[in-house]
Protein backbone atom coordinates (compact mmCIF):
# COMPACT_ATOMS: atom_id res chain seq x y z
CA UNK A 1 -37.62 42.62 12.31
CA UNK A 2 -35.50 40.37 14.11
CA UNK A 3 -35.57 36.76 15.18
CA UNK A 4 -34.07 35.32 18.68
CA UNK A 5 -33.72 32.28 20.05
CA UNK A 6 -32.81 31.13 23.10
CA UNK A 7 -30.94 27.90 24.13
CA UNK A 8 -30.91 26.42 27.16
CA UNK A 9 -27.34 26.18 29.00
CA UNK A 10 -27.31 22.72 29.97
CA UNK A 11 -28.08 22.00 26.28
CA UNK A 12 -25.60 24.10 24.74
CA UNK A 13 -22.96 22.55 27.41
CA UNK A 14 -24.06 18.99 26.48
CA UNK A 15 -23.42 19.67 22.74
CA UNK A 16 -20.30 21.55 23.56
CA UNK A 17 -19.04 18.34 25.29
CA UNK A 18 -20.12 16.08 22.21
CA UNK A 19 -18.09 18.11 20.04
CA UNK A 20 -14.94 17.99 22.11
CA UNK A 21 -15.65 14.19 22.53
CA UNK A 22 -15.80 13.86 18.96
CA UNK A 23 -12.71 16.04 18.54
CA UNK A 24 -10.82 14.10 20.69
CA UNK A 25 -11.27 10.96 18.84
CA UNK A 26 -10.65 12.21 15.54
CA UNK A 27 -7.17 13.06 17.31
CA UNK A 28 -6.28 9.47 17.73
CA UNK A 29 -6.12 8.14 13.85
CA UNK A 30 -3.60 5.52 14.60
CA UNK A 31 -6.38 2.66 14.05
CA UNK A 32 -7.30 4.51 10.89
CA UNK A 33 -3.51 4.69 9.89
CA UNK A 34 -3.10 1.16 10.56
CA UNK A 35 -6.13 0.11 8.43
CA UNK A 36 -4.80 2.25 5.37
CA UNK A 37 -1.28 0.14 5.70
CA UNK A 38 -2.86 -2.87 6.23
CA UNK A 39 -5.01 -2.22 2.70
CA UNK A 40 -1.79 -0.81 0.88
CA UNK A 41 0.07 -4.12 2.08
CA UNK A 42 -2.70 -6.21 0.66
CA UNK A 43 -2.37 -4.50 -2.70
CA UNK A 44 1.54 -5.10 -2.76
CA UNK A 45 0.83 -8.66 -1.95
CA UNK A 46 -2.30 -9.04 -4.97
CA UNK A 47 0.39 -7.25 -7.19
CA UNK A 48 2.79 -9.85 -6.41
CA UNK A 49 0.60 -12.99 -6.88
CA UNK A 50 -0.94 -11.52 -10.26
CA UNK A 51 2.63 -10.66 -11.83
CA UNK A 52 1.78 -7.27 -11.80
CA UNK A 53 -1.79 -7.83 -12.41
CA UNK A 54 -2.66 -4.36 -10.78
CA UNK A 55 -0.62 -2.14 -12.93
CA UNK A 56 -1.40 -4.16 -16.27
CA UNK A 57 1.07 -6.60 -15.82
CA UNK A 58 5.05 -6.77 -15.67
CA UNK A 59 7.31 -7.15 -18.59
CA UNK A 60 8.67 -10.78 -18.71
CA UNK A 61 12.12 -12.13 -19.06
CA UNK A 62 14.01 -11.00 -22.12
CA UNK A 63 15.31 -14.44 -22.87
CA UNK A 64 11.94 -16.28 -21.88
CA UNK A 65 13.54 -16.84 -18.09
CA UNK A 66 16.06 -15.67 -15.36
CA UNK A 67 19.43 -15.08 -17.11
CA UNK A 68 22.45 -16.59 -14.97
CA UNK A 69 26.05 -17.64 -15.04
CA UNK A 70 25.68 -21.13 -12.78
CA UNK A 71 24.60 -23.89 -14.52
CA UNK A 72 21.28 -24.98 -12.46
CA UNK A 73 18.56 -27.84 -12.83
CA UNK A 74 16.26 -27.00 -15.99
CA UNK A 75 18.93 -24.21 -17.12
CA UNK A 76 19.64 -24.20 -20.86
CA UNK A 77 22.96 -23.11 -22.21
CA UNK A 78 23.43 -19.88 -24.04
CA UNK A 79 27.07 -19.78 -25.02
CA UNK A 80 28.84 -21.99 -22.50
CA UNK A 81 28.93 -19.33 -19.98
CA UNK A 82 25.52 -18.09 -19.52
CA UNK A 83 22.23 -19.96 -18.84
CA UNK A 84 18.74 -19.41 -18.80
CA UNK A 85 16.59 -20.57 -16.25
CA UNK A 86 12.71 -21.02 -17.85
CA UNK A 87 11.30 -22.06 -14.75
CA UNK A 88 11.96 -18.64 -12.70
CA UNK A 89 9.27 -16.86 -11.82
CA UNK A 90 9.73 -12.84 -12.30
CA UNK A 91 10.57 -10.83 -8.80
CA UNK A 92 9.18 -13.78 -6.74
CA UNK A 93 11.55 -16.77 -6.74
CA UNK A 94 12.90 -16.49 -3.49
CA UNK A 95 10.24 -14.28 -2.15
CA UNK A 96 12.83 -11.79 -0.46
CA UNK A 97 11.42 -9.06 -2.48
CA UNK A 98 7.79 -9.52 -1.94
CA UNK A 99 8.42 -9.78 1.75
CA UNK A 100 10.49 -6.61 1.99
CA UNK A 101 7.72 -4.68 1.72
CA UNK A 102 6.34 -4.07 5.03
CA UNK A 103 3.73 -1.10 5.87
CA UNK A 104 4.48 1.38 8.33
CA UNK A 105 2.32 4.13 10.44
CA UNK A 106 3.57 7.75 11.28
CA UNK A 107 1.86 10.14 12.76
CA UNK A 108 -0.73 11.13 10.46
CA UNK A 109 0.87 9.00 7.73
CA UNK A 110 0.24 5.28 6.55
CA UNK A 111 2.65 3.48 3.65
CA UNK A 112 4.52 0.42 2.54
CA UNK A 113 8.19 0.51 1.11
CA UNK A 114 10.80 -1.76 0.76
CA UNK A 115 14.71 -1.00 1.87
CA UNK A 116 15.95 -3.40 -0.64
CA UNK A 117 18.31 -1.65 -2.98
CA UNK A 118 16.93 -3.49 -5.98
CA UNK A 119 13.24 -2.25 -5.14
CA UNK A 120 13.79 0.99 -6.68
CA UNK A 121 15.25 0.07 -9.74
CA UNK A 122 12.23 -2.32 -10.55
CA UNK A 123 9.88 0.15 -9.80
CA UNK A 124 11.36 2.84 -11.56
CA UNK A 125 12.91 1.47 -14.31
CA UNK A 126 16.61 2.02 -13.65
CA UNK A 127 18.83 0.20 -16.01
CA UNK A 128 16.20 -2.75 -16.61
CA UNK A 129 12.59 -3.28 -17.89
CA UNK A 130 9.96 -0.95 -15.10
CA UNK A 131 7.88 -3.41 -13.13
CA UNK A 132 5.86 -1.26 -10.73
CA UNK A 133 5.75 -2.78 -7.60
CA UNK A 134 3.92 0.10 -5.38
CA UNK A 135 0.25 1.91 -6.43
CA UNK A 136 0.05 5.38 -7.34
CA UNK A 137 -1.60 7.72 -5.25
CA UNK A 138 -4.59 7.84 -7.82
CA UNK A 139 -5.15 3.92 -7.85
CA UNK A 140 -5.63 3.60 -4.18
CA UNK A 141 -7.24 7.07 -3.15
CA UNK A 142 -10.58 6.09 -3.12
CA UNK A 143 -10.24 2.84 -0.81
CA UNK A 144 -8.66 4.88 1.56
CA UNK A 145 -11.01 7.67 1.52
CA UNK A 146 -13.11 5.27 2.21
CA UNK A 147 -11.15 3.89 5.36
CA UNK A 148 -10.93 7.56 6.71
CA UNK A 149 -14.60 8.42 5.80
CA UNK A 150 -15.69 5.50 8.14
CA UNK A 151 -13.06 6.39 10.81
CA UNK A 152 -14.68 9.61 11.05
CA UNK A 153 -18.43 8.65 10.90
CA UNK A 154 -17.48 5.99 13.60
CA UNK A 155 -15.91 8.74 15.71
CA UNK A 156 -18.92 11.09 15.31
CA UNK A 157 -21.25 8.52 16.20
CA UNK A 158 -19.61 7.80 19.62
CA UNK A 159 -19.67 11.32 20.49
CA UNK A 160 -23.71 11.52 20.37
C-alpha cells in the first residue's frame, strides 16, 4: 500500500522562496547581537548602582573607608601617614571603572569588557577581595536566549 501526494510546483517554489528569505534574515544577526550587548551593559550598570547587588554584594572596605596616603577632607588619620576616607564609594568614586565597561559586537558574538588594568584583579580577586563586576553566563543565559528567540521569530514572520 502506498500514498503519494503531488505538490503544485508554484506552491513548492513559493515555500522555497520563503525559506530562503528566512535563511537570509537569520544571517544578519547584528541587530540581535546589539540588543544582547545593550542588555549586558545594563546588567553591569545595575550591578555598579547596587554595589554588587547582582552578585550578592561586594565586600566592603577593610577599614570602613578607602585607605589613602593623602590627607583629604573627611579623612581620618590612622598613623599620621595613612588616612581613611569614610565617605568613599566602593569602586565608584570617580566613575572611571564603571564607565570603562564598553559593550561590543563582533560577528555572531556580543559582550562587554573593560581595558582598565585594575578591572581584572577586582573581578577575579587577585591580591584584593573579589568584587565581581561581570555576569557569569548562567546569570544572563535566559534573557539572552529570549532576545535571540525573539529575533528568530521576527525573521520567520517576515518570511511568511
